[in-house]
Amino acid sequence: WLVAAQATLMIFLGLFVTRVADGHWPLTLEDRLPRAFAAHRSPLG
């Protein structure tokens, strides 16, 4: 029962992120971090 509840929660959270919150603040800002990392990569990093 607990694992089923956990899986259900994660599925609803994923659907919320991809279908409801996508294109809205603050998710509109989160792509800036991968782009910033990609622009400043180094051999050490």
PDB file of all heavy atoms in Angstrom:
ATOM      1  N   TRP A   1       0.822  -1.209   0.000  1.00  0.00           N
ATOM      2  CA  TRP A   1       0.000   0.000   0.000  1.00  0.00           C
ATOM      3  C   TRP A   1       0.857   1.261   0.000  1.00  0.00           C
ATOM      4  O   TRP A   1       0.538   2.239  -0.696  1.00  0.00           O
ATOM      5  CB  TRP A   1      -0.931  -0.012   1.210  1.00  0.00           C
ATOM      6  CG  TRP A   1      -2.107  -0.910   1.041  1.00  0.00           C
ATOM      7  CD1 TRP A   1      -2.317  -2.118   1.637  1.00  0.00           C
ATOM      8  CD2 TRP A   1      -3.231  -0.696   0.185  1.00  0.00           C
ATOM      9  NE1 TRP A   1      -3.497  -2.679   1.225  1.00  0.00           N
ATOM     10  CE2 TRP A   1      -4.091  -1.824   0.325  1.00  0.00           C
ATOM     11  CE3 TRP A   1      -3.607   0.311  -0.690  1.00  0.00           C
ATOM     12  CZ2 TRP A   1      -5.291  -1.941  -0.362  1.00  0.00           C
ATOM     13  CZ3 TRP A   1      -4.804   0.197  -1.376  1.00  0.00           C
ATOM     14  CH2 TRP A   1      -5.632  -0.923  -1.216  1.00  0.00           C
ATOM     15  N   LEU A   2       1.922   1.275   0.769  1.00  0.00           N
ATOM     16  CA  LEU A   2       2.750   2.473   0.836  1.00  0.00           C
ATOM     17  C   LEU A   2       3.506   2.711  -0.463  1.00  0.00           C
ATOM     18  O   LEU A   2       3.625   3.859  -0.918  1.00  0.00           O
ATOM     19  CB  LEU A   2       3.733   2.352   2.004  1.00  0.00           C
ATOM     20  CG  LEU A   2       3.116   2.450   3.403  1.00  0.00           C
ATOM     21  CD1 LEU A   2       4.148   2.136   4.474  1.00  0.00           C
ATOM     22  CD2 LEU A   2       2.524   3.842   3.631  1.00  0.00           C
ATOM     23  N   VAL A   3       4.023   1.651  -1.068  1.00  0.00           N
ATOM     24  CA  VAL A   3       4.731   1.817  -2.340  1.00  0.00           C
ATOM     25  C   VAL A   3       3.745   2.259  -3.422  1.00  0.00           C
ATOM     26  O   VAL A   3       4.076   3.102  -4.272  1.00  0.00           O
ATOM     27  CB  VAL A   3       5.437   0.509  -2.738  1.00  0.00           C
ATOM     28  CG1 VAL A   3       5.977   0.606  -4.166  1.00  0.00           C
ATOM     29  CG2 VAL A   3       6.573   0.214  -1.779  1.00  0.00           C
ATOM     30  N   ALA A   4       2.532   1.710  -3.407  1.00  0.00           N
ATOM     31  CA  ALA A   4       1.520   2.144  -4.377  1.00  0.00           C
ATOM     32  C   ALA A   4       1.204   3.627  -4.209  1.00  0.00           C
ATOM     33  O   ALA A   4       1.068   4.369  -5.202  1.00  0.00           O
ATOM     34  CB  ALA A   4       0.254   1.304  -4.216  1.00  0.00           C
ATOM     35  N   ALA A   5       1.106   4.080  -2.959  1.00  0.00           N
ATOM     36  CA  ALA A   5       0.852   5.498  -2.711  1.00  0.00           C
ATOM     37  C   ALA A   5       2.021   6.348  -3.184  1.00  0.00           C
ATOM     38  O   ALA A   5       1.833   7.429  -3.766  1.00  0.00           O
ATOM     39  CB  ALA A   5       0.587   5.728  -1.224  1.00  0.00           C
ATOM     40  N   GLN A   6       3.238   5.865  -2.953  1.00  0.00           N
ATOM     41  CA  GLN A   6       4.422   6.604  -3.400  1.00  0.00           C
ATOM     42  C   GLN A   6       4.445   6.716  -4.922  1.00  0.00           C
ATOM     43  O   GLN A   6       4.695   7.804  -5.468  1.00  0.00           O
ATOM     44  CB  GLN A   6       5.684   5.894  -2.915  1.00  0.00           C
ATOM     45  CG  GLN A   6       6.987   6.504  -3.434  1.00  0.00           C
ATOM     46  CD  GLN A   6       8.191   5.641  -3.117  1.00  0.00           C
ATOM     47  OE1 GLN A   6       8.109   4.740  -2.275  1.00  0.00           O
ATOM     48  NE2 GLN A   6       9.304   5.899  -3.768  1.00  0.00           N
ATOM     49  N   ALA A   7       4.204   5.612  -5.618  1.00  0.00           N
ATOM     50  CA  ALA A   7       4.223   5.634  -7.078  1.00  0.00           C
ATOM     51  C   ALA A   7       3.138   6.555  -7.625  1.00  0.00           C
ATOM     52  O   ALA A   7       3.376   7.321  -8.579  1.00  0.00           O
ATOM     53  CB  ALA A   7       4.043   4.212  -7.618  1.00  0.00           C
ATOM     54  N   THR A   8       1.956   6.507  -7.026  1.00  0.00           N
ATOM     55  CA  THR A   8       0.870   7.384  -7.470  1.00  0.00           C
ATOM     56  C   THR A   8       1.243   8.846  -7.294  1.00  0.00           C
ATOM     57  O   THR A   8       0.999   9.688  -8.179  1.00  0.00           O
ATOM     58  CB  THR A   8      -0.414   7.065  -6.679  1.00  0.00           C
ATOM     59  OG1 THR A   8      -0.753   5.692  -6.870  1.00  0.00           O
ATOM     60  CG2 THR A   8      -1.558   7.950  -7.136  1.00  0.00           C
ATOM     61  N   LEU A   9       1.831   9.176  -6.136  1.00  0.00           N
ATOM     62  CA  LEU A   9       2.260  10.550  -5.880  1.00  0.00           C
ATOM     63  C   LEU A   9       3.280  11.011  -6.905  1.00  0.00           C
ATOM     64  O   LEU A   9       3.179  12.121  -7.447  1.00  0.00           O
ATOM     65  CB  LEU A   9       2.845  10.652  -4.472  1.00  0.00           C
ATOM     66  CG  LEU A   9       3.533  11.977  -4.120  1.00  0.00           C
ATOM     67  CD1 LEU A   9       2.511  13.113  -4.096  1.00  0.00           C
ATOM     68  CD2 LEU A   9       4.238  11.878  -2.765  1.00  0.00           C
ATOM     69  N   MET A  10       4.255  10.165  -7.219  1.00  0.00           N
ATOM     70  CA  MET A  10       5.290  10.553  -8.176  1.00  0.00           C
ATOM     71  C   MET A  10       4.713  10.713  -9.581  1.00  0.00           C
ATOM     72  O   MET A  10       5.124  11.596 -10.335  1.00  0.00           O
ATOM     73  CB  MET A  10       6.420   9.509  -8.165  1.00  0.00           C
ATOM     74  CG  MET A  10       7.233   9.475  -6.885  1.00  0.00           C
ATOM     75  SD  MET A  10       8.010  11.063  -6.497  1.00  0.00           S
ATOM     76  CE  MET A  10       8.945  11.383  -7.992  1.00  0.00           C
ATOM     77  N   ILE A  11       3.772   9.857  -9.954  1.00  0.00           N
ATOM     78  CA  ILE A  11       3.163   9.970 -11.286  1.00  0.00           C
ATOM     79  C   ILE A  11       2.387  11.279 -11.396  1.00  0.00           C
ATOM     80  O   ILE A  11       2.513  12.015 -12.388  1.00  0.00           O
ATOM     81  CB  ILE A  11       2.245   8.763 -11.551  1.00  0.00           C
ATOM     82  CG1 ILE A  11       3.078   7.493 -11.737  1.00  0.00           C
ATOM     83  CG2 ILE A  11       1.370   9.012 -12.774  1.00  0.00           C
ATOM     84  CD1 ILE A  11       2.257   6.225 -11.822  1.00  0.00           C
ATOM     85  N   PHE A  12       1.578  11.594 -10.391  1.00  0.00           N
ATOM     86  CA  PHE A  12       0.823  12.843 -10.428  1.00  0.00           C
ATOM     87  C   PHE A  12       1.764  14.047 -10.430  1.00  0.00           C
ATOM     88  O   PHE A  12       1.501  15.048 -11.108  1.00  0.00           O
ATOM     89  CB  PHE A  12      -0.139  12.915  -9.238  1.00  0.00           C
ATOM     90  CG  PHE A  12      -1.444  12.233  -9.483  1.00  0.00           C
ATOM     91  CD1 PHE A  12      -1.728  11.019  -8.883  1.00  0.00           C
ATOM     92  CD2 PHE A  12      -2.395  12.788 -10.330  1.00  0.00           C
ATOM     93  CE1 PHE A  12      -2.925  10.367  -9.119  1.00  0.00           C
ATOM     94  CE2 PHE A  12      -3.601  12.153 -10.574  1.00  0.00           C
ATOM     95  CZ  PHE A  12      -3.873  10.929  -9.968  1.00  0.00           C
ATOM     96  N   LEU A  13       2.852  13.970  -9.668  1.00  0.00           N
ATOM     97  CA  LEU A  13       3.814  15.071  -9.654  1.00  0.00           C
ATOM     98  C   LEU A  13       4.452  15.240 -11.031  1.00  0.00           C
ATOM     99  O   LEU A  13       4.615  16.366 -11.532  1.00  0.00           O
ATOM    100  CB  LEU A  13       4.882  14.827  -8.600  1.00  0.00           C
ATOM    101  CG  LEU A  13       5.947  15.911  -8.456  1.00  0.00           C
ATOM    102  CD1 LEU A  13       5.312  17.239  -8.056  1.00  0.00           C
ATOM    103  CD2 LEU A  13       7.004  15.499  -7.432  1.00  0.00           C
ATOM    104  N   GLY A  14       4.808  14.118 -11.675  1.00  0.00           N
ATOM    105  CA  GLY A  14       5.395  14.201 -13.002  1.00  0.00           C
ATOM    106  C   GLY A  14       4.429  14.770 -14.029  1.00  0.00           C
ATOM    107  O   GLY A  14       4.819  15.584 -14.884  1.00  0.00           O
ATOM    108  N   LEU A  15       3.166  14.363 -13.966  1.00  0.00           N
ATOM    109  CA  LEU A  15       2.167  14.908 -14.881  1.00  0.00           C
ATOM    110  C   LEU A  15       1.932  16.398 -14.633  1.00  0.00           C
ATOM    111  O   LEU A  15       1.712  17.174 -15.566  1.00  0.00           O
ATOM    112  CB  LEU A  15       0.852  14.133 -14.731  1.00  0.00           C
ATOM    113  CG  LEU A  15       0.899  12.668 -15.165  1.00  0.00           C
ATOM    114  CD1 LEU A  15      -0.423  11.968 -14.871  1.00  0.00           C
ATOM    115  CD2 LEU A  15       1.250  12.539 -16.657  1.00  0.00           C
ATOM    116  N   PHE A  16       2.006  16.792 -13.367  1.00  0.00           N
ATOM    117  CA  PHE A  16       1.853  18.217 -13.047  1.00  0.00           C
ATOM    118  C   PHE A  16       2.995  19.021 -13.649  1.00  0.00           C
ATOM    119  O   PHE A  16       2.782  20.098 -14.241  1.00  0.00           O
ATOM    120  CB  PHE A  16       1.811  18.405 -11.529  1.00  0.00           C
ATOM    121  CG  PHE A  16       1.766  19.845 -11.100  1.00  0.00           C
ATOM    122  CD1 PHE A  16       0.563  20.558 -11.104  1.00  0.00           C
ATOM    123  CD2 PHE A  16       2.926  20.506 -10.702  1.00  0.00           C
ATOM    124  CE1 PHE A  16       0.532  21.881 -10.715  1.00  0.00           C
ATOM    125  CE2 PHE A  16       2.896  21.830 -10.314  1.00  0.00           C
ATOM    126  CZ  PHE A  16       1.698  22.524 -10.331  1.00  0.00           C
ATOM    127  N   VAL A  17       4.218  18.517 -13.513  1.00  0.00           N
ATOM    128  CA  VAL A  17       5.382  19.241 -14.033  1.00  0.00           C
ATOM    129  C   VAL A  17       5.336  19.341 -15.547  1.00  0.00           C
ATOM    130  O   VAL A  17       5.640  20.396 -16.137  1.00  0.00           O
ATOM    131  CB  VAL A  17       6.686  18.547 -13.564  1.00  0.00           C
ATOM    132  CG1 VAL A  17       7.895  19.109 -14.312  1.00  0.00           C
ATOM    133  CG2 VAL A  17       6.873  18.717 -12.064  1.00  0.00           C
ATOM    134  N   THR A  18       4.933  18.256 -16.219  1.00  0.00           N
ATOM    135  CA  THR A  18       5.012  18.228 -17.681  1.00  0.00           C
ATOM    136  C   THR A  18       3.777  18.782 -18.374  1.00  0.00           C
ATOM    137  O   THR A  18       3.867  19.260 -19.513  1.00  0.00           O
ATOM    138  CB  THR A  18       5.250  16.788 -18.158  1.00  0.00           C
ATOM    139  OG1 THR A  18       4.200  15.941 -17.647  1.00  0.00           O
ATOM    140  CG2 THR A  18       6.594  16.278 -17.676  1.00  0.00           C
ATOM    141  N   ARG A  19       2.613  18.779 -17.722  1.00  0.00           N
ATOM    142  CA  ARG A  19       1.385  19.166 -18.412  1.00  0.00           C
ATOM    143  C   ARG A  19       0.698  20.390 -17.830  1.00  0.00           C
ATOM    144  O   ARG A  19      -0.102  21.035 -18.505  1.00  0.00           O
ATOM    145  CB  ARG A  19       0.400  17.992 -18.408  1.00  0.00           C
ATOM    146  CG  ARG A  19       0.930  16.760 -19.112  1.00  0.00           C
ATOM    147  CD  ARG A  19      -0.133  15.692 -19.242  1.00  0.00           C
ATOM    148  NE  ARG A  19       0.388  14.490 -19.888  1.00  0.00           N
ATOM    149  CZ  ARG A  19      -0.344  13.420 -20.180  1.00  0.00           C
ATOM    150  NH1 ARG A  19      -1.655  13.407 -19.877  1.00  0.00           N
ATOM    151  NH2 ARG A  19       0.202  12.360 -20.754  1.00  0.00           N
ATOM    152  N   VAL A  20       0.964  20.677 -16.565  1.00  0.00           N
ATOM    153  CA  VAL A  20       0.300  21.816 -15.926  1.00  0.00           C
ATOM    154  C   VAL A  20       1.269  22.969 -15.731  1.00  0.00           C
ATOM    155  O   VAL A  20       1.004  24.109 -16.143  1.00  0.00           O
ATOM    156  CB  VAL A  20      -0.319  21.400 -14.574  1.00  0.00           C
ATOM    157  CG1 VAL A  20      -0.975  22.595 -13.899  1.00  0.00           C
ATOM    158  CG2 VAL A  20      -1.328  20.272 -14.777  1.00  0.00           C
ATOM    159  N   ALA A  21       2.398  22.687 -15.110  1.00  0.00           N
ATOM    160  CA  ALA A  21       3.334  23.764 -14.768  1.00  0.00           C
ATOM    161  C   ALA A  21       4.292  24.100 -15.905  1.00  0.00           C
ATOM    162  O   ALA A  21       4.957  25.145 -15.867  1.00  0.00           O
ATOM    163  CB  ALA A  21       4.139  23.371 -13.527  1.00  0.00           C
ATOM    164  N   ASP A  22       4.392  23.244 -16.907  1.00  0.00           N
ATOM    165  CA  ASP A  22       5.316  23.503 -18.010  1.00  0.00           C
ATOM    166  C   ASP A  22       4.935  24.798 -18.730  1.00  0.00           C
ATOM    167  O   ASP A  22       3.772  25.011 -19.093  1.00  0.00           O
ATOM    168  CB  ASP A  22       5.273  22.340 -19.002  1.00  0.00           C
ATOM    169  CG  ASP A  22       6.353  22.470 -20.055  1.00  0.00           C
ATOM    170  OD1 ASP A  22       7.441  22.964 -19.726  1.00  0.00           O
ATOM    171  OD2 ASP A  22       6.095  22.079 -21.209  1.00  0.00           O
ATOM    172  N   GLY A  23       5.921  25.652 -18.919  1.00  0.00           N
ATOM    173  CA  GLY A  23       5.696  26.936 -19.554  1.00  0.00           C
ATOM    174  C   GLY A  23       5.286  28.030 -18.600  1.00  0.00           C
ATOM    175  O   GLY A  23       5.051  29.169 -19.022  1.00  0.00           O
ATOM    176  N   HIS A  24       5.173  27.727 -17.323  1.00  0.00           N
ATOM    177  CA  HIS A  24       4.814  28.704 -16.306  1.00  0.00           C
ATOM    178  C   HIS A  24       5.969  28.873 -15.327  1.00  0.00           C
ATOM    179  O   HIS A  24       6.790  27.988 -15.126  1.00  0.00           O
ATOM    180  CB  HIS A  24       3.555  28.271 -15.546  1.00  0.00           C
ATOM    181  CG  HIS A  24       2.326  28.180 -16.418  1.00  0.00           C
ATOM    182  ND1 HIS A  24       2.055  27.083 -17.206  1.00  0.00           N
ATOM    183  CD2 HIS A  24       1.307  29.065 -16.610  1.00  0.00           C
ATOM    184  CE1 HIS A  24       0.922  27.279 -17.855  1.00  0.00           C
ATOM    185  NE2 HIS A  24       0.444  28.466 -17.527  1.00  0.00           N
ATOM    186  N   TRP A  25       5.992  30.041 -14.682  1.00  0.00           N
ATOM    187  CA  TRP A  25       7.008  30.303 -13.662  1.00  0.00           C
ATOM    188  C   TRP A  25       6.771  29.385 -12.483  1.00  0.00           C
ATOM    189  O   TRP A  25       5.608  29.147 -12.118  1.00  0.00           O
ATOM    190  CB  TRP A  25       6.915  31.768 -13.210  1.00  0.00           C
ATOM    191  CG  TRP A  25       8.022  32.175 -12.289  1.00  0.00           C
ATOM    192  CD1 TRP A  25       9.226  32.695 -12.635  1.00  0.00           C
ATOM    193  CD2 TRP A  25       8.004  32.081 -10.868  1.00  0.00           C
ATOM    194  NE1 TRP A  25       9.982  32.929 -11.524  1.00  0.00           N
ATOM    195  CE2 TRP A  25       9.259  32.556 -10.414  1.00  0.00           C
ATOM    196  CE3 TRP A  25       7.083  31.627  -9.921  1.00  0.00           C
ATOM    197  CZ2 TRP A  25       9.596  32.617  -9.072  1.00  0.00           C
ATOM    198  CZ3 TRP A  25       7.411  31.662  -8.579  1.00  0.00           C
ATOM    199  CH2 TRP A  25       8.654  32.156  -8.168  1.00  0.00           C
ATOM    200  N   PRO A  26       7.780  28.774 -11.853  1.00  0.00           N
ATOM    201  CA  PRO A  26       9.217  29.041 -12.058  1.00  0.00           C
ATOM    202  C   PRO A  26       9.900  28.097 -13.034  1.00  0.00           C
ATOM    203  O   PRO A  26      11.111  28.209 -13.236  1.00  0.00           O
ATOM    204  CB  PRO A  26       9.770  28.838 -10.650  1.00  0.00           C
ATOM    205  CG  PRO A  26       8.933  27.745 -10.084  1.00  0.00           C
ATOM    206  CD  PRO A  26       7.545  27.960 -10.632  1.00  0.00           C
ATOM    207  N   LEU A  27       9.143  27.141 -13.639  1.00  0.00           N
ATOM    208  CA  LEU A  27       9.785  26.191 -14.544  1.00  0.00           C
ATOM    209  C   LEU A  27      10.345  26.880 -15.783  1.00  0.00           C
ATOM    210  O   LEU A  27      11.233  26.341 -16.442  1.00  0.00           O
ATOM    211  CB  LEU A  27       8.795  25.103 -14.949  1.00  0.00           C
ATOM    212  CG  LEU A  27       8.334  24.151 -13.829  1.00  0.00           C
ATOM    213  CD1 LEU A  27       7.504  23.021 -14.411  1.00  0.00           C
ATOM    214  CD2 LEU A  27       9.525  23.591 -13.062  1.00  0.00           C
ATOM    215  N   THR A  28       9.830  28.076 -16.102  1.00  0.00           N
ATOM    216  CA  THR A  28      10.371  28.807 -17.258  1.00  0.00           C
ATOM    217  C   THR A  28      11.807  29.257 -17.017  1.00  0.00           C
ATOM    218  O   THR A  28      12.511  29.602 -17.966  1.00  0.00           O
ATOM    219  CB  THR A  28       9.500  30.037 -17.553  1.00  0.00           C
ATOM    220  OG1 THR A  28       9.373  30.819 -16.353  1.00  0.00           O
ATOM    221  CG2 THR A  28       8.117  29.618 -18.032  1.00  0.00           C
ATOM    222  N   LEU A  29      12.250  29.247 -15.753  1.00  0.00           N
ATOM    223  CA  LEU A  29      13.606  29.711 -15.425  1.00  0.00           C
ATOM    224  C   LEU A  29      14.615  28.579 -15.315  1.00  0.00           C
ATOM    225  O   LEU A  29      15.822  28.826 -15.344  1.00  0.00           O
ATOM    226  CB  LEU A  29      13.582  30.489 -14.099  1.00  0.00           C
ATOM    227  CG  LEU A  29      12.612  31.667 -14.005  1.00  0.00           C
ATOM    228  CD1 LEU A  29      12.677  32.271 -12.601  1.00  0.00           C
ATOM    229  CD2 LEU A  29      12.948  32.717 -15.050  1.00  0.00           C
ATOM    230  N   GLU A  30      14.132  27.343 -15.170  1.00  0.00           N
ATOM    231  CA  GLU A  30      15.073  26.285 -14.783  1.00  0.00           C
ATOM    232  C   GLU A  30      16.011  25.872 -15.915  1.00  0.00           C
ATOM    233  O   GLU A  30      17.072  25.308 -15.645  1.00  0.00           O
ATOM    234  CB  GLU A  30      14.323  25.069 -14.258  1.00  0.00           C
ATOM    235  CG  GLU A  30      13.494  24.328 -15.282  1.00  0.00           C
ATOM    236  CD  GLU A  30      12.980  23.002 -14.717  1.00  0.00           C
ATOM    237  OE1 GLU A  30      13.408  22.628 -13.609  1.00  0.00           O
ATOM    238  OE2 GLU A  30      12.171  22.351 -15.379  1.00  0.00           O
ATOM    239  N   ASP A  31      15.677  26.136 -17.170  1.00  0.00           N
ATOM    240  CA  ASP A  31      16.593  25.778 -18.256  1.00  0.00           C
ATOM    241  C   ASP A  31      17.830  26.659 -18.292  1.00  0.00           C
ATOM    242  O   ASP A  31      18.808  26.347 -18.984  1.00  0.00           O
ATOM    243  CB  ASP A  31      15.874  25.851 -19.605  1.00  0.00           C
ATOM    244  CG  ASP A  31      15.006  24.635 -19.856  1.00  0.00           C
ATOM    245  OD1 ASP A  31      15.244  23.604 -19.190  1.00  0.00           O
ATOM    246  OD2 ASP A  31      14.076  24.721 -20.683  1.00  0.00           O
ATOM    247  N   ARG A  32      17.785  27.772 -17.559  1.00  0.00           N
ATOM    248  CA  ARG A  32      18.951  28.665 -17.554  1.00  0.00           C
ATOM    249  C   ARG A  32      20.171  27.983 -16.935  1.00  0.00           C
ATOM    250  O   ARG A  32      21.304  28.223 -17.351  1.00  0.00           O
ATOM    251  CB  ARG A  32      18.632  29.938 -16.775  1.00  0.00           C
ATOM    252  CG  ARG A  32      17.541  30.790 -17.406  1.00  0.00           C
ATOM    253  CD  ARG A  32      17.298  32.040 -16.588  1.00  0.00           C
ATOM    254  NE  ARG A  32      16.222  32.861 -17.152  1.00  0.00           N
ATOM    255  CZ  ARG A  32      15.805  33.996 -16.623  1.00  0.00           C
ATOM    256  NH1 ARG A  32      16.367  34.463 -15.510  1.00  0.00           N
ATOM    257  NH2 ARG A  32      14.825  34.678 -17.212  1.00  0.00           N
ATOM    258  N   LEU A  33      19.955  27.125 -15.916  1.00  0.00           N
ATOM    259  CA  LEU A  33      21.082  26.487 -15.230  1.00  0.00           C
ATOM    260  C   LEU A  33      21.800  25.492 -16.138  1.00  0.00           C
ATOM    261  O   LEU A  33      23.043  25.560 -16.260  1.00  0.00           O
ATOM    262  CB  LEU A  33      20.602  25.812 -13.946  1.00  0.00           C
ATOM    263  CG  LEU A  33      21.697  25.232 -13.051  1.00  0.00           C
ATOM    264  CD1 LEU A  33      22.677  26.311 -12.635  1.00  0.00           C
ATOM    265  CD2 LEU A  33      21.071  24.564 -11.819  1.00  0.00           C
ATOM    266  N   PRO A  34      21.114  24.565 -16.835  1.00  0.00           N
ATOM    267  CA  PRO A  34      21.840  23.683 -17.761  1.00  0.00           C
ATOM    268  C   PRO A  34      22.568  24.443 -18.853  1.00  0.00           C
ATOM    269  O   PRO A  34      23.686  24.075 -19.240  1.00  0.00           O
ATOM    270  CB  PRO A  34      20.729  22.787 -18.346  1.00  0.00           C
ATOM    271  CG  PRO A  34      19.632  22.824 -17.338  1.00  0.00           C
ATOM    272  CD  PRO A  34      19.687  24.193 -16.741  1.00  0.00           C
ATOM    273  N   ARG A  35      21.952  25.540 -19.351  1.00  0.00           N
ATOM    274  CA  ARG A  35      22.617  26.334 -20.399  1.00  0.00           C
ATOM    275  C   ARG A  35      23.865  27.028 -19.855  1.00  0.00           C
ATOM    276  O   ARG A  35      24.892  27.104 -20.540  1.00  0.00           O
ATOM    277  CB  ARG A  35      21.649  27.364 -20.978  1.00  0.00           C
ATOM    278  CG  ARG A  35      20.484  26.757 -21.749  1.00  0.00           C
ATOM    279  CD  ARG A  35      19.699  27.831 -22.488  1.00  0.00           C
ATOM    280  NE  ARG A  35      18.495  27.277 -23.112  1.00  0.00           N
ATOM    281  CZ  ARG A  35      17.264  27.604 -22.785  1.00  0.00           C
ATOM    282  NH1 ARG A  35      17.049  28.509 -21.843  1.00  0.00           N
ATOM    283  NH2 ARG A  35      16.234  27.053 -23.394  1.00  0.00           N
ATOM    284  N   ALA A  36      23.765  27.537 -18.625  1.00  0.00           N
ATOM    285  CA  ALA A  36      24.928  28.201 -18.027  1.00  0.00           C
ATOM    286  C   ALA A  36      26.064  27.215 -17.816  1.00  0.00           C
ATOM    287  O   ALA A  36      27.233  27.518 -18.074  1.00  0.00           O
ATOM    288  CB  ALA A  36      24.524  28.845 -16.703  1.00  0.00           C
ATOM    289  N   PHE A  37      25.730  26.016 -17.345  1.00  0.00           N
ATOM    290  CA  PHE A  37      26.768  24.990 -17.182  1.00  0.00           C
ATOM    291  C   PHE A  37      27.380  24.614 -18.528  1.00  0.00           C
ATOM    292  O   PHE A  37      28.606  24.479 -18.646  1.00  0.00           O
ATOM    293  CB  PHE A  37      26.161  23.745 -16.527  1.00  0.00           C
ATOM    294  CG  PHE A  37      26.077  23.830 -15.029  1.00  0.00           C
ATOM    295  CD1 PHE A  37      24.962  23.339 -14.359  1.00  0.00           C
ATOM    296  CD2 PHE A  37      27.107  24.382 -14.283  1.00  0.00           C
ATOM    297  CE1 PHE A  37      24.871  23.402 -12.983  1.00  0.00           C
ATOM    298  CE2 PHE A  37      27.031  24.455 -12.894  1.00  0.00           C
ATOM    299  CZ  PHE A  37      25.907  23.972 -12.240  1.00  0.00           C
ATOM    300  N   ALA A  38      26.523  24.435 -19.540  1.00  0.00           N
ATOM    301  CA  ALA A  38      27.025  24.026 -20.855  1.00  0.00           C
ATOM    302  C   ALA A  38      27.956  25.080 -21.431  1.00  0.00           C
ATOM    303  O   ALA A  38      28.924  24.757 -22.141  1.00  0.00           O
ATOM    304  CB  ALA A  38      25.859  23.761 -21.803  1.00  0.00           C
ATOM    305  N   ALA A  39      27.699  26.355 -21.137  1.00  0.00           N
ATOM    306  CA  ALA A  39      28.520  27.437 -21.686  1.00  0.00           C
ATOM    307  C   ALA A  39      29.844  27.595 -20.948  1.00  0.00           C
ATOM    308  O   ALA A  39      30.758  28.240 -21.463  1.00  0.00           O
ATOM    309  CB  ALA A  39      27.742  28.751 -21.626  1.00  0.00           C
ATOM    310  N   HIS A  40      29.954  27.041 -19.759  1.00  0.00           N
ATOM    311  CA  HIS A  40      31.172  27.231 -18.959  1.00  0.00           C
ATOM    312  C   HIS A  40      31.798  25.907 -18.532  1.00  0.00           C
ATOM    313  O   HIS A  40      32.418  25.802 -17.486  1.00  0.00           O
ATOM    314  CB  HIS A  40      30.857  28.065 -17.715  1.00  0.00           C
ATOM    315  CG  HIS A  40      30.375  29.443 -18.010  1.00  0.00           C
ATOM    316  ND1 HIS A  40      29.048  29.745 -18.260  1.00  0.00           N
ATOM    317  CD2 HIS A  40      31.059  30.622 -18.133  1.00  0.00           C
ATOM    318  CE1 HIS A  40      28.917  31.036 -18.500  1.00  0.00           C
ATOM    319  NE2 HIS A  40      30.119  31.602 -18.438  1.00  0.00           N
ATOM    320  N   ARG A  41      31.639  24.877 -19.342  1.00  0.00           N
ATOM    321  CA  ARG A  41      32.250  23.591 -19.009  1.00  0.00           C
ATOM    322  C   ARG A  41      33.770  23.663 -19.116  1.00  0.00           C
ATOM    323  O   ARG A  41      34.318  24.442 -19.904  1.00  0.00           O
ATOM    324  CB  ARG A  41      31.710  22.491 -19.933  1.00  0.00           C
ATOM    325  CG  ARG A  41      30.276  22.087 -19.611  1.00  0.00           C
ATOM    326  CD  ARG A  41      29.719  21.148 -20.653  1.00  0.00           C
ATOM    327  NE  ARG A  41      28.347  20.755 -20.340  1.00  0.00           N
ATOM    328  CZ  ARG A  41      27.510  20.214 -21.214  1.00  0.00           C
ATOM    329  NH1 ARG A  41      27.910  20.019 -22.472  1.00  0.00           N
ATOM    330  NH2 ARG A  41      26.292  19.880 -20.844  1.00  0.00           N
ATOM    331  N   SER A  42      34.431  22.843 -18.316  1.00  0.00           N
ATOM    332  CA  SER A  42      35.896  22.810 -18.302  1.00  0.00           C
ATOM    333  C   SER A  42      36.330  21.364 -18.121  1.00  0.00           C
ATOM    334  O   SER A  42      35.545  20.517 -17.666  1.00  0.00           O
ATOM    335  CB  SER A  42      36.436  23.666 -17.150  1.00  0.00           C
ATOM    336  OG  SER A  42      36.083  23.103 -15.889  1.00  0.00           O
ATOM    337  N   PRO A  43      37.579  21.047 -18.427  1.00  0.00           N
ATOM    338  CA  PRO A  43      38.055  19.666 -18.218  1.00  0.00           C
ATOM    339  C   PRO A  43      37.912  19.214 -16.765  1.00  0.00           C
ATOM    340  O   PRO A  43      37.556  18.058 -16.508  1.00  0.00           O
ATOM    341  CB  PRO A  43      39.522  19.738 -18.646  1.00  0.00           C
ATOM    342  CG  PRO A  43      39.565  20.865 -19.636  1.00  0.00           C
ATOM    343  CD  PRO A  43      38.574  21.874 -19.131  1.00  0.00           C
ATOM    344  N   LEU A  44      38.183  20.110 -15.825  1.00  0.00           N
ATOM    345  CA  LEU A  44      38.054  19.737 -14.410  1.00  0.00           C
ATOM    346  C   LEU A  44      36.606  19.431 -14.054  1.00  0.00           C
ATOM    347  O   LEU A  44      36.294  18.413 -13.426  1.00  0.00           O
ATOM    348  CB  LEU A  44      38.579  20.864 -13.524  1.00  0.00           C
ATOM    349  CG  LEU A  44      38.434  20.632 -11.999  1.00  0.00           C
ATOM    350  CD1 LEU A  44      39.212  19.391 -11.587  1.00  0.00           C
ATOM    351  CD2 LEU A  44      38.914  21.861 -11.231  1.00  0.00           C
ATOM    352  N   GLY A  45      35.691  20.325 -14.471  1.00  0.00           N
ATOM    353  CA  GLY A  45      34.279  20.095 -14.198  1.00  0.00           C
ATOM    354  C   GLY A  45      33.756  18.848 -14.881  1.00  0.00           C
ATOM    355  O   GLY A  45      32.951  18.096 -14.311  1.00  0.00           O
TER     356      GLY A  45
END
